[in-house]
Amino acid sequence: MKRKTELLQILTSIMLIIALGGTKAYAAEVEGTFRDVPVGSWFEEAVAYVWENGLMSGTGEDTFSPDMAMTRGMLVTVLYRAAGSPSWEETGEETFLDVQPDAWYRDGVYWARAEGIADGYSQTQFGPNDLVTREQLVTMLWRFAGSEQAGGELEFNDQDMISSWAVQAVRWAGDNGLVSGKLGNFFDPQGQATRAETAVILTRYCQWAAAEDPESGLEEEEEPEEEEQEEQEEQPSNPLAHNPYDPEAFVVENGFLTYQGDAASHIGVDVSAHQGEIDWERVAASGVEFAMIRVGYRGYTAGNIYQDAYFEANINGALDAGLQVGIYFFSQATTVSEAREEALQTLEWIEDYDITYPVVFDWERVDSDSSRTKDTTGTVVTACAKAFCTVVEEAAYTPMTYGSPSKVGKDLHLSELTDYAFWLAHYTTGWQPTSFQYFFNMWQYSSNGSVDGIDGRVDLNLCLTNWPNS
């Protein structure tokens, strides 16, 4: 499977949509900034959003030029910013004669070419000042988002005018509410895309992408008390090993929970794009020994698979800082086939990295009316966990499952998963020893941790196992 344009397709939503109350607040911020953006106009809130978040800037001190046509140079620069302005190395293939070394759009041009978002007309011509059509705008955004196939039907009155290479992109954008027709339900594929239209479509994309990330829809408790055991489905009677750890041996040192008994004790964090940019050297210097990094997730509505926007930055940063690294995939699988698909995609994404900690199946229920997993049974979830772990084990990695006390038995039948390591999520008051009665290899004991080098909250973990390859 071709590596999707993971380039932080969801980064925009994760970093920029801190709260989806979003655009109206931004409009208040930008009011009066641009004299050519009328209050109450159809593009006012979108312009405010892209300006406030650094995706698009004004064309003058107090002008946005909403009716100005977008150029290729402008558009690739906007997408490059949405991807977090990733660094790239010159390879000697920077051959476009119409892209000068000091051009403001140069980074965006060569980044977009490397990622398959926008090619040149030839090896020497990119056309940075050429105007962008509406179908070209949608196609570049579609490639940025991973080129997902769309199954909906085109319903524009001028759909026969859409170029064959743009049909899938326009269908995808229509299916997800990113574009709508002009007066008379015409898409106007060859019409010039304006800066206002670009701002609106990009804002809609950010909001759509945020809704697809299941972790963004989960409510995190500040520091929950002991979790009450929910009513559990009946499980097979396979015996589960009991919690062997001495409660008196859990000791807080230097801001982290440690274990000073007859077991391993390793300090760790787990991270995803929600943490943003991380200074891994500072994290390592703080005493952290390992990182569990989100490689990707399946959306909880449409069920598409995405690479975590910061996966590459996080894994390279953690490894370069000397940390041991494990991986987790945030699953929303509803069938064994989907679980295998998630495992295979995970293996493809991690094959070039030194993974010494487990590869984790992290399935969490999203209680939303639009969630595809809200009615999934524990029997199905457990079968999916087995399928994922089997694929991981066959690839010579250490498979692991993840869950909290209230989910064990309801969503995850541990008695059927005793061949695999288990990562416990249990946030106790004051980091008191967990009352979980069964064996676990790793304990996520806080979702409200503070670690030097990471802005905001981060999950803290204690690993009680020495892994074979670590």
Protein backbone atom coordinates (compact mmCIF):
# COMPACT_ATOMS: atom_id res chain seq x y z
CA MET A 1 0.00 0.00 0.00
CA LYS A 2 1.46 3.35 -1.00
CA ARG A 3 2.38 5.48 1.98
CA LYS A 4 -0.52 7.88 2.41
CA THR A 5 0.13 11.54 2.50
CA GLU A 6 0.28 11.28 6.22
CA LEU A 7 1.99 14.55 6.12
CA LEU A 8 0.03 15.63 8.80
CA GLN A 9 -3.26 15.51 7.08
CA ILE A 10 -4.88 15.64 10.47
CA LEU A 11 -2.30 17.97 11.97
CA THR A 12 -4.33 20.94 10.89
CA SER A 13 -7.32 19.76 12.85
CA ILE A 14 -5.44 18.54 15.89
CA MET A 15 -3.33 21.63 16.37
CA LEU A 16 -5.70 24.23 15.04
CA ILE A 17 -9.08 23.01 16.25
CA ILE A 18 -8.39 23.06 19.95
CA ALA A 19 -12.10 23.41 20.44
CA LEU A 20 -14.55 23.10 17.62
CA GLY A 21 -16.37 26.09 18.92
CA GLY A 22 -13.81 27.54 16.63
CA THR A 23 -14.57 29.79 13.77
CA LYS A 24 -16.88 32.33 15.37
CA ALA A 25 -14.28 33.08 18.01
CA TYR A 26 -11.69 33.51 15.29
CA ALA A 27 -14.00 35.87 13.42
CA ALA A 28 -14.12 38.08 16.48
CA GLU A 29 -10.31 38.11 16.54
CA VAL A 30 -9.97 39.14 12.89
CA GLU A 31 -12.78 41.68 12.79
CA GLY A 32 -11.30 44.94 11.60
CA THR A 33 -8.01 43.34 10.53
CA PHE A 34 -8.91 43.11 6.84
CA ARG A 35 -10.98 45.97 5.45
CA ASP A 36 -11.96 43.84 2.42
CA VAL A 37 -13.52 41.05 4.53
CA PRO A 38 -17.04 42.30 5.33
CA VAL A 39 -18.61 41.37 8.64
CA GLY A 40 -21.15 38.62 8.06
CA SER A 41 -19.81 37.65 4.63
CA TRP A 42 -19.91 33.97 3.64
CA PHE A 43 -16.14 33.74 3.98
CA GLU A 44 -15.53 35.93 7.06
CA GLU A 45 -15.21 33.12 9.61
CA ALA A 46 -13.05 30.98 7.32
CA VAL A 47 -10.68 33.85 6.58
CA ALA A 48 -10.42 34.49 10.31
CA TYR A 49 -9.67 30.84 10.93
CA VAL A 50 -6.89 30.43 8.35
CA TRP A 51 -5.35 33.77 9.26
CA GLU A 52 -5.40 33.16 13.02
CA ASN A 53 -3.78 29.76 12.55
CA GLY A 54 -1.08 30.91 10.16
CA LEU A 55 -2.32 29.02 7.10
CA MET A 56 -2.98 32.10 4.98
CA SER A 57 -1.76 35.65 5.42
CA GLY A 58 -2.99 38.94 4.08
CA THR A 59 -1.93 40.42 0.76
CA GLY A 60 -1.31 43.78 2.37
CA GLU A 61 -1.25 45.42 5.75
CA ASP A 62 -5.05 45.42 6.00
CA THR A 63 -6.19 43.44 2.95
CA PHE A 64 -6.89 39.76 2.34
CA SER A 65 -7.98 40.04 -1.33
CA PRO A 66 -10.75 37.43 -1.08
CA ASP A 67 -11.58 37.62 -4.79
CA MET A 68 -7.98 37.20 -5.94
CA ALA A 69 -7.35 33.93 -7.78
CA MET A 70 -5.10 31.42 -6.06
CA THR A 71 -1.81 30.55 -7.74
CA ARG A 72 -0.04 27.21 -7.62
CA GLY A 73 2.68 28.76 -5.50
CA MET A 74 0.12 30.08 -3.01
CA LEU A 75 -1.74 26.78 -2.72
CA VAL A 76 1.25 24.51 -2.15
CA THR A 77 2.50 26.99 0.46
CA VAL A 78 -0.83 26.89 2.30
CA LEU A 79 -0.80 23.08 2.34
CA TYR A 80 2.85 23.08 3.41
CA ARG A 81 1.91 25.27 6.38
CA ALA A 82 -1.04 23.01 7.17
CA ALA A 83 1.41 20.10 7.31
CA GLY A 84 3.43 21.93 9.93
CA SER A 85 6.10 23.28 7.55
CA PRO A 86 8.13 20.05 7.76
CA SER A 87 11.85 20.24 7.15
CA TRP A 88 13.19 18.67 3.98
CA GLU A 89 16.66 18.04 2.63
CA GLU A 90 17.85 19.23 -0.74
CA THR A 91 18.62 16.27 -2.98
CA GLY A 92 19.97 17.97 -6.06
CA GLU A 93 16.63 17.41 -7.77
CA GLU A 94 15.45 20.97 -7.17
CA THR A 95 15.29 21.52 -10.91
CA PHE A 96 12.45 23.97 -11.54
CA LEU A 97 13.95 26.92 -13.36
CA ASP A 98 10.92 29.07 -12.54
CA VAL A 99 11.34 28.52 -8.78
CA GLN A 100 14.15 30.77 -7.60
CA PRO A 101 16.24 29.82 -4.53
CA ASP A 102 14.86 32.77 -2.55
CA ALA A 103 11.23 32.42 -3.66
CA TRP A 104 8.75 32.51 -0.76
CA TYR A 105 6.97 29.44 -2.15
CA ARG A 106 10.10 27.34 -2.78
CA ASP A 107 9.75 25.05 0.26
CA GLY A 108 6.10 24.41 -0.53
CA VAL A 109 6.82 23.60 -4.16
CA TYR A 110 9.48 20.97 -3.55
CA TRP A 111 7.68 19.53 -0.53
CA ALA A 112 4.47 19.16 -2.57
CA ARG A 113 6.34 17.47 -5.40
CA ALA A 114 8.09 15.04 -3.05
CA GLU A 115 4.78 14.10 -1.45
CA GLY A 116 2.88 13.64 -4.70
CA ILE A 117 0.56 16.58 -4.07
CA ALA A 118 1.58 18.72 -7.05
CA ASP A 119 3.91 17.84 -9.90
CA GLY A 120 5.62 20.21 -12.27
CA TYR A 121 4.66 20.52 -15.91
CA SER A 122 8.13 19.17 -16.65
CA GLN A 123 11.41 18.59 -14.84
CA THR A 124 12.22 22.29 -15.21
CA GLN A 125 8.84 24.03 -15.02
CA PHE A 126 6.42 24.21 -12.08
CA GLY A 127 4.34 27.25 -12.97
CA PRO A 128 4.16 28.85 -9.50
CA ASN A 129 2.28 31.88 -10.81
CA ASP A 130 -0.27 29.90 -12.81
CA LEU A 131 -3.82 30.20 -11.55
CA VAL A 132 -5.51 27.27 -9.81
CA THR A 133 -8.90 25.99 -10.91
CA ARG A 134 -11.54 24.71 -8.51
CA GLU A 135 -10.96 21.11 -9.56
CA GLN A 136 -7.20 21.54 -9.13
CA LEU A 137 -7.71 22.97 -5.63
CA VAL A 138 -9.86 20.02 -4.58
CA THR A 139 -7.47 17.51 -6.15
CA MET A 140 -4.43 18.87 -4.32
CA LEU A 141 -6.34 18.82 -1.02
CA TRP A 142 -7.51 15.25 -1.74
CA ARG A 143 -3.91 14.14 -2.30
CA PHE A 144 -2.87 15.94 0.88
CA ALA A 145 -5.53 13.97 2.77
CA GLY A 146 -4.30 10.62 1.50
CA SER A 147 -6.23 10.13 -1.78
CA GLU A 148 -9.06 8.17 -0.17
CA GLN A 149 -11.46 6.54 -2.60
CA ALA A 150 -14.99 7.91 -2.42
CA GLY A 151 -18.12 5.98 -3.20
CA GLY A 152 -20.69 8.75 -3.57
CA GLU A 153 -22.17 10.00 -6.79
CA LEU A 154 -21.46 13.35 -8.36
CA GLU A 155 -24.59 15.47 -8.31
CA PHE A 156 -23.48 18.70 -9.95
CA ASN A 157 -25.29 19.88 -13.06
CA ASP A 158 -21.96 20.34 -14.82
CA GLN A 159 -20.39 17.08 -13.61
CA ASP A 160 -19.62 16.05 -17.19
CA MET A 161 -17.22 19.01 -17.34
CA ILE A 162 -15.07 17.68 -14.49
CA SER A 163 -11.75 16.30 -15.75
CA SER A 164 -11.35 12.55 -15.37
CA TRP A 165 -8.30 12.98 -13.10
CA ALA A 166 -10.35 15.14 -10.72
CA VAL A 167 -13.52 13.02 -10.45
CA GLN A 168 -12.44 11.04 -7.38
CA ALA A 169 -11.25 14.18 -5.61
CA VAL A 170 -14.45 16.10 -6.29
CA ARG A 171 -16.53 13.09 -5.21
CA TRP A 172 -14.50 12.84 -1.98
CA ALA A 173 -14.88 16.55 -1.28
CA GLY A 174 -18.61 16.40 -1.94
CA ASP A 175 -19.13 13.30 0.20
CA ASN A 176 -17.46 15.00 3.15
CA GLY A 177 -19.15 18.36 2.81
CA LEU A 178 -16.02 20.26 1.80
CA VAL A 179 -17.47 21.75 -1.39
CA SER A 180 -20.90 22.78 -2.55
CA GLY A 181 -22.17 23.92 -5.89
CA LYS A 182 -22.48 27.49 -7.02
CA LEU A 183 -25.84 29.02 -7.97
CA GLY A 184 -27.80 26.44 -9.95
CA ASN A 185 -25.76 23.56 -8.46
CA PHE A 186 -22.79 24.03 -10.78
CA PHE A 187 -19.35 23.01 -9.55
CA ASP A 188 -17.55 25.13 -12.17
CA PRO A 189 -14.49 22.84 -12.30
CA GLN A 190 -12.45 25.06 -14.62
CA GLY A 191 -13.35 28.24 -12.79
CA GLN A 192 -10.56 30.00 -10.96
CA ALA A 193 -10.34 29.23 -7.24
CA THR A 194 -10.32 32.41 -5.19
CA ARG A 195 -8.56 33.02 -1.92
CA ALA A 196 -11.94 33.19 -0.17
CA GLU A 197 -13.02 29.83 -1.60
CA THR A 198 -9.71 28.30 -0.58
CA ALA A 199 -10.09 29.59 2.98
CA VAL A 200 -13.60 28.13 3.25
CA ILE A 201 -12.71 24.72 1.82
CA LEU A 202 -9.57 24.44 3.96
CA THR A 203 -11.49 25.34 7.12
CA ARG A 204 -14.15 22.73 6.34
CA TYR A 205 -11.41 20.17 5.77
CA CYS A 206 -9.84 20.92 9.16
CA GLN A 207 -13.17 20.45 10.91
CA TRP A 208 -13.94 17.26 9.01
CA ALA A 209 -10.49 15.84 9.79
CA ALA A 210 -10.90 16.60 13.50
CA ALA A 211 -14.19 14.71 13.58
CA GLU A 212 -12.51 11.66 12.02
CA ASP A 213 -9.92 11.32 14.80
CA PRO A 214 -11.51 9.08 17.44
CA GLU A 215 -9.17 10.20 20.21
CA SER A 216 -10.29 13.80 19.72
CA GLY A 217 -13.83 12.66 20.52
CA LEU A 218 -12.94 10.91 23.77
CA GLU A 219 -13.47 12.75 27.00
CA GLU A 220 -10.48 12.45 29.31
CA GLU A 221 -11.03 12.57 33.04
CA GLU A 222 -8.77 14.88 34.99
CA GLU A 223 -7.77 12.28 37.59
CA PRO A 224 -10.54 9.72 37.90
CA GLU A 225 -11.16 7.89 41.12
CA GLU A 226 -11.10 4.11 41.25
CA GLU A 227 -13.08 2.96 38.23
CA GLU A 228 -16.28 1.16 38.99
CA GLN A 229 -16.53 -2.25 37.37
CA GLU A 230 -19.22 -2.17 34.70
CA GLU A 231 -21.48 -5.10 34.03
CA GLN A 232 -19.40 -7.55 32.05
CA GLU A 233 -20.21 -10.05 29.35
CA GLU A 234 -19.78 -13.66 30.37
CA GLN A 235 -16.24 -14.84 29.66
CA PRO A 236 -14.67 -18.26 29.23
CA SER A 237 -13.19 -19.65 32.43
CA ASN A 238 -9.55 -19.55 31.32
CA PRO A 239 -7.54 -18.61 34.42
CA LEU A 240 -5.95 -15.16 34.51
CA ALA A 241 -2.70 -14.56 36.37
CA HIS A 242 -3.16 -12.28 39.35
CA ASN A 243 -1.51 -8.93 39.98
CA PRO A 244 1.86 -9.88 41.54
CA TYR A 245 3.09 -6.40 42.43
CA ASP A 246 3.73 -5.26 46.00
CA PRO A 247 1.65 -2.09 46.64
CA GLU A 248 4.34 -0.80 49.01
CA ALA A 249 6.95 -0.91 46.24
CA PHE A 250 5.33 1.80 44.10
CA VAL A 251 7.24 4.99 44.88
CA VAL A 252 7.12 8.46 43.31
CA GLU A 253 10.59 9.77 42.46
CA ASN A 254 11.50 12.92 40.53
CA GLY A 255 7.94 13.40 39.34
CA PHE A 256 7.40 9.85 38.05
CA LEU A 257 5.97 6.66 39.50
CA THR A 258 8.57 3.90 39.91
CA TYR A 259 8.53 0.33 41.19
CA GLN A 260 11.17 -0.69 43.72
CA GLY A 261 10.22 -4.31 44.12
CA ASP A 262 10.99 -7.57 42.36
CA ALA A 263 10.20 -6.43 38.81
CA ALA A 264 11.49 -4.10 36.14
CA SER A 265 10.77 -0.38 36.42
CA HIS A 266 10.95 1.87 33.36
CA ILE A 267 9.53 5.39 33.03
CA GLY A 268 7.59 6.24 29.89
CA VAL A 269 5.10 8.43 28.07
CA ASP A 270 2.63 7.78 25.28
CA VAL A 271 2.10 10.47 22.67
CA SER A 272 0.25 11.34 19.50
CA ALA A 273 -0.35 14.40 17.37
CA HIS A 274 -2.39 15.80 20.26
CA GLN A 275 0.87 16.70 22.02
CA GLY A 276 2.10 18.73 19.05
CA GLU A 277 5.82 19.26 18.54
CA ILE A 278 7.97 17.57 21.19
CA ASP A 279 11.55 18.31 22.25
CA TRP A 280 12.66 14.71 22.67
CA GLU A 281 16.13 15.56 23.97
CA ARG A 282 14.54 17.38 26.90
CA VAL A 283 12.10 14.52 27.42
CA ALA A 284 14.98 12.04 27.65
CA ALA A 285 16.91 14.32 29.99
CA SER A 286 13.90 14.46 32.32
CA GLY A 287 14.24 10.75 33.06
CA VAL A 288 11.85 9.24 30.50
CA GLU A 289 13.19 5.93 29.17
CA PHE A 290 10.60 4.87 26.62
CA ALA A 291 7.82 6.28 24.45
CA MET A 292 4.70 4.59 23.13
CA ILE A 293 3.93 6.45 19.91
CA ARG A 294 0.65 6.49 18.03
CA VAL A 295 1.33 5.33 14.49
CA GLY A 296 -2.20 5.89 13.25
CA TYR A 297 -5.89 5.37 13.75
CA ARG A 298 -9.11 4.41 12.03
CA GLY A 299 -11.76 7.11 11.82
CA TYR A 300 -14.82 6.44 13.94
CA THR A 301 -17.36 7.59 11.33
CA ALA A 302 -16.31 6.60 7.81
CA GLY A 303 -13.73 4.10 9.05
CA ASN A 304 -10.79 5.29 6.95
CA ILE A 305 -7.24 4.65 8.18
CA TYR A 306 -4.90 7.58 8.78
CA GLN A 307 -1.30 7.88 9.84
CA ASP A 308 -0.82 10.03 12.93
CA ALA A 309 0.19 13.50 11.85
CA TYR A 310 3.27 13.52 14.08
CA PHE A 311 4.26 9.86 13.82
CA GLU A 312 7.42 10.40 11.79
CA ALA A 313 8.52 13.42 13.82
CA ASN A 314 7.88 11.59 17.08
CA ILE A 315 9.54 8.30 16.24
CA ASN A 316 12.60 9.92 14.71
CA GLY A 317 12.89 12.34 17.62
CA ALA A 318 12.47 9.66 20.27
CA LEU A 319 14.95 7.28 18.66
CA ASP A 320 17.49 10.05 18.08
CA ALA A 321 17.21 10.95 21.78
CA GLY A 322 18.04 7.36 22.74
CA LEU A 323 14.61 6.30 23.98
CA GLN A 324 13.16 2.82 23.60
CA VAL A 325 10.10 2.97 21.36
CA GLY A 326 6.82 1.09 21.17
CA ILE A 327 3.83 1.69 18.91
CA TYR A 328 0.09 1.83 19.33
CA PHE A 329 -2.67 1.90 16.74
CA PHE A 330 -5.97 3.44 17.81
CA SER A 331 -8.43 0.92 16.44
CA GLN A 332 -12.06 1.32 15.52
CA ALA A 333 -12.22 -2.09 13.85
CA THR A 334 -15.62 -3.74 13.72
CA THR A 335 -14.49 -6.93 11.95
CA VAL A 336 -11.51 -9.27 12.08
CA SER A 337 -10.70 -8.25 8.52
CA GLU A 338 -10.46 -4.59 9.54
CA ALA A 339 -8.22 -5.48 12.49
CA ARG A 340 -5.85 -7.33 10.18
CA GLU A 341 -5.87 -4.37 7.83
CA GLU A 342 -4.89 -2.09 10.71
CA ALA A 343 -2.07 -4.42 11.75
CA LEU A 344 -0.69 -4.72 8.23
CA GLN A 345 -0.77 -0.96 7.74
CA THR A 346 0.97 -0.50 11.08
CA LEU A 347 3.71 -2.94 10.06
CA GLU A 348 4.23 -1.09 6.80
CA TRP A 349 4.61 2.22 8.59
CA ILE A 350 7.09 0.94 11.21
CA GLU A 351 9.23 -1.40 9.10
CA ASP A 352 12.16 1.01 8.83
CA TYR A 353 12.36 1.78 12.56
CA ASP A 354 13.92 0.06 15.56
CA ILE A 355 10.87 -0.93 17.59
CA THR A 356 11.94 -2.53 20.88
CA TYR A 357 8.74 -2.12 22.90
CA PRO A 358 5.37 -3.70 22.03
CA VAL A 359 3.04 -2.94 19.13
CA VAL A 360 -0.34 -2.28 20.73
CA PHE A 361 -3.96 -2.83 19.72
CA ASP A 362 -5.75 0.10 21.37
CA TRP A 363 -9.52 -0.20 20.86
CA GLU A 364 -11.67 2.33 22.65
CA ARG A 365 -15.39 2.84 22.32
CA VAL A 366 -16.51 6.22 20.98
CA ASP A 367 -19.97 6.99 22.38
CA SER A 368 -21.28 9.20 19.62
CA ASP A 369 -24.40 8.89 17.50
CA SER A 370 -22.17 8.87 14.43
CA SER A 371 -19.73 6.29 15.82
CA ARG A 372 -19.47 3.10 13.79
CA THR A 373 -18.25 1.19 16.87
CA LYS A 374 -20.78 2.23 19.50
CA ASP A 375 -22.70 -1.07 19.31
CA THR A 376 -19.72 -3.40 18.82
CA THR A 377 -19.74 -6.31 21.28
CA GLY A 378 -16.86 -7.41 23.47
CA THR A 379 -16.79 -10.71 21.61
CA VAL A 380 -16.10 -8.87 18.36
CA VAL A 381 -13.53 -6.55 19.95
CA THR A 382 -11.68 -9.52 21.43
CA ALA A 383 -11.67 -11.31 18.07
CA CYS A 384 -10.27 -8.14 16.49
CA ALA A 385 -7.58 -7.96 19.18
CA LYS A 386 -6.57 -11.56 18.47
CA ALA A 387 -6.38 -10.90 14.74
CA PHE A 388 -4.28 -7.76 15.18
CA CYS A 389 -1.91 -9.41 17.65
CA THR A 390 -1.49 -12.50 15.48
CA VAL A 391 -0.36 -10.41 12.51
CA VAL A 392 2.04 -8.44 14.72
CA GLU A 393 3.48 -11.58 16.31
CA GLU A 394 4.02 -13.24 12.93
CA ALA A 395 6.11 -10.20 11.96
CA ALA A 396 8.37 -10.82 15.01
CA TYR A 397 7.17 -7.86 17.07
CA THR A 398 5.76 -8.10 20.60
CA PRO A 399 1.95 -7.73 20.46
CA MET A 400 0.05 -6.09 23.29
CA THR A 401 -3.55 -5.16 24.12
CA TYR A 402 -4.73 -2.11 26.05
CA GLY A 403 -7.64 -1.45 28.38
CA SER A 404 -8.97 -0.11 31.65
CA PRO A 405 -10.53 -2.04 34.55
CA SER A 406 -14.03 -1.01 33.51
CA LYS A 407 -13.47 -2.17 29.93
CA VAL A 408 -11.89 -5.53 30.72
CA GLY A 409 -14.60 -8.13 30.30
CA LYS A 410 -16.98 -5.69 28.62
CA ASP A 411 -14.97 -4.69 25.57
CA LEU A 412 -11.88 -6.85 26.00
CA HIS A 413 -11.95 -10.44 27.25
CA LEU A 414 -8.49 -10.83 28.77
CA SER A 415 -9.09 -14.50 29.49
CA GLU A 416 -8.94 -15.09 25.74
CA LEU A 417 -5.84 -12.93 25.28
CA THR A 418 -3.43 -14.44 27.79
CA ASP A 419 -0.84 -15.10 25.07
CA TYR A 420 -0.29 -11.36 24.71
CA ALA A 421 1.12 -8.64 26.94
CA PHE A 422 -1.35 -6.24 28.53
CA TRP A 423 -1.15 -2.48 29.01
CA LEU A 424 -3.39 -1.31 31.86
CA ALA A 425 -4.97 2.16 31.83
CA HIS A 426 -6.01 3.07 35.37
CA TYR A 427 -5.76 6.59 36.79
CA THR A 428 -5.79 6.41 40.58
CA THR A 429 -6.01 9.28 43.02
CA GLY A 430 -2.53 10.47 43.93
CA TRP A 431 -1.02 7.66 41.85
CA GLN A 432 -1.92 5.15 44.53
CA PRO A 433 -1.27 1.48 43.60
CA THR A 434 -3.92 0.14 41.25
CA SER A 435 -6.51 -2.25 42.60
CA PHE A 436 -6.65 -4.09 39.28
CA GLN A 437 -6.50 -7.74 40.25
CA TYR A 438 -4.99 -9.28 37.12
CA PHE A 439 -1.48 -9.29 35.67
CA PHE A 440 -0.32 -6.37 33.55
CA ASN A 441 3.02 -5.56 31.92
CA MET A 442 2.67 -1.82 31.73
CA TRP A 443 0.57 0.72 33.61
CA GLN A 444 -0.70 4.02 32.23
CA TYR A 445 -1.25 5.70 35.58
CA SER A 446 -1.98 9.29 34.59
CA SER A 447 -3.46 11.24 31.69
CA ASN A 448 -2.50 14.52 33.30
CA GLY A 449 1.27 14.28 33.48
CA SER A 450 3.79 17.04 32.97
CA VAL A 451 7.12 16.33 31.28
CA ASP A 452 9.81 18.78 30.26
CA GLY A 453 9.86 19.05 26.47
CA ILE A 454 6.14 18.36 26.04
CA ASP A 455 3.62 21.20 26.07
CA GLY A 456 0.42 20.49 27.97
CA ARG A 457 -0.80 17.21 29.42
CA VAL A 458 0.68 13.85 28.55
CA ASP A 459 0.00 10.25 29.60
CA LEU A 460 2.53 8.78 32.03
CA ASN A 461 3.44 5.10 32.09
CA LEU A 462 5.37 2.63 34.18
CA CYS A 463 6.68 -0.48 32.42
CA LEU A 464 7.26 -3.48 34.68
CA THR A 465 8.74 -5.77 32.03
CA ASN A 466 12.13 -6.00 30.34
CA TRP A 467 11.35 -6.62 26.68
CA PRO A 468 13.60 -9.04 24.75
CA ASN A 469 14.87 -6.48 22.24
CA SER A 470 15.15 -3.46 24.54
